[in-house]
Amino acid sequence: MDVLFNHKGLKNDLNISDMETEIKLQYGKKPDKFKKDYWEMSPELQEEYKKWQEMNIRENIFSRNQPLVYRRASDNKMIAEYNDGKIELID
């Protein structure tokens, strides 16, 4: 068995498939309505799925105390957004 670090940074005796399962259970669980292929969804469901993905990514990053970093389309500036709502210009 491999010795890995779990998502809390604690040493654990898990094999790789156990670790992948732990990560998927915590961060990747899709609601049943999003189980079908994206291109088979109605346009309304596609929009709802996009919003759900954005929130899931945001929650995942913020749970690790990391900023969400992206390039703002309106002015092409790099932005770091923090869990407490603080927004910082990087450029």
Protein backbone atom coordinates (compact mmCIF):
# COMPACT_ATOMS: atom_id res chain seq x y z
CA MET A 1 0.00 0.00 0.00
CA ASP A 2 1.26 3.51 -0.84
CA VAL A 3 1.51 6.16 1.84
CA LEU A 4 -0.21 9.32 0.62
CA PHE A 5 -1.39 12.59 2.07
CA ASN A 6 -5.13 13.06 2.17
CA HIS A 7 -6.91 16.35 1.45
CA LYS A 8 -6.31 17.48 5.05
CA GLY A 9 -2.55 17.04 4.68
CA LEU A 10 -2.43 14.15 7.18
CA LYS A 11 -0.47 11.00 6.46
CA ASN A 12 -2.75 8.13 5.63
CA ASP A 13 -2.33 4.56 4.38
CA LEU A 14 -4.47 4.73 1.27
CA ASN A 15 -3.95 3.22 -2.11
CA ILE A 16 -4.33 5.44 -5.16
CA SER A 17 -7.86 4.32 -6.00
CA ASP A 18 -9.00 5.05 -2.41
CA MET A 19 -7.51 8.55 -2.65
CA GLU A 20 -9.22 9.19 -6.00
CA THR A 21 -12.51 8.01 -4.54
CA GLU A 22 -12.10 10.29 -1.53
CA ILE A 23 -11.43 13.30 -3.77
CA LYS A 24 -14.35 12.49 -6.10
CA LEU A 25 -16.74 12.09 -3.18
CA GLN A 26 -15.75 15.43 -1.73
CA TYR A 27 -15.40 17.59 -4.83
CA GLY A 28 -16.72 15.88 -7.94
CA LYS A 29 -20.20 14.61 -7.09
CA LYS A 30 -22.63 15.79 -9.73
CA PRO A 31 -26.33 16.09 -9.06
CA ASP A 32 -28.33 13.45 -10.95
CA LYS A 33 -29.77 15.99 -13.39
CA PHE A 34 -26.22 16.69 -14.69
CA LYS A 35 -25.27 13.04 -15.26
CA LYS A 36 -26.07 13.04 -18.98
CA ASP A 37 -23.65 14.30 -21.61
CA TYR A 38 -23.40 18.09 -21.78
CA TRP A 39 -24.32 18.18 -25.48
CA GLU A 40 -27.50 16.17 -24.83
CA MET A 41 -28.76 18.68 -22.24
CA SER A 42 -31.32 21.34 -23.06
CA PRO A 43 -29.92 24.91 -23.40
CA GLU A 44 -31.51 25.82 -20.05
CA LEU A 45 -29.91 22.84 -18.32
CA GLN A 46 -26.55 23.66 -19.95
CA GLU A 47 -26.67 27.16 -18.41
CA GLU A 48 -27.62 25.73 -15.02
CA TYR A 49 -24.75 23.22 -15.32
CA LYS A 50 -22.25 26.00 -16.13
CA LYS A 51 -23.34 27.92 -13.03
CA TRP A 52 -23.11 24.77 -10.89
CA GLN A 53 -19.58 24.09 -12.21
CA GLU A 54 -18.46 27.63 -11.45
CA MET A 55 -19.74 27.36 -7.87
CA ASN A 56 -18.21 23.90 -7.41
CA ILE A 57 -14.79 25.15 -8.61
CA ARG A 58 -15.05 28.27 -6.44
CA GLU A 59 -15.96 26.24 -3.32
CA ASN A 60 -13.15 23.76 -3.98
CA ILE A 61 -10.50 26.49 -4.33
CA PHE A 62 -11.77 28.54 -1.38
CA SER A 63 -11.91 25.43 0.85
CA ARG A 64 -8.15 25.13 0.33
CA ASN A 65 -7.67 28.80 1.33
CA GLN A 66 -6.48 29.62 -2.17
CA PRO A 67 -7.56 32.62 -4.26
CA LEU A 68 -9.49 32.17 -7.47
CA VAL A 69 -7.23 33.68 -10.14
CA TYR A 70 -8.59 34.64 -13.56
CA ARG A 71 -8.32 37.21 -16.33
CA ARG A 72 -11.27 39.62 -16.31
CA ALA A 73 -12.78 39.85 -19.80
CA SER A 74 -13.90 43.49 -19.53
CA ASP A 75 -10.40 44.97 -19.14
CA ASN A 76 -8.08 41.95 -19.61
CA LYS A 77 -6.57 42.34 -16.08
CA MET A 78 -5.47 39.42 -13.90
CA ILE A 79 -7.60 39.18 -10.76
CA ALA A 80 -7.21 37.24 -7.52
CA GLU A 81 -10.52 36.77 -5.69
CA TYR A 82 -10.47 35.61 -2.06
CA ASN A 83 -13.01 33.75 0.07
CA ASP A 84 -13.70 36.85 2.17
CA GLY A 85 -14.74 38.79 -0.97
CA LYS A 86 -11.49 40.73 -1.34
CA ILE A 87 -10.46 41.26 -4.98
CA GLU A 88 -6.87 42.09 -5.88
CA LEU A 89 -5.35 43.17 -9.20
CA ILE A 90 -2.29 41.07 -10.03
CA ASP A 91 -0.98 42.89 -13.14
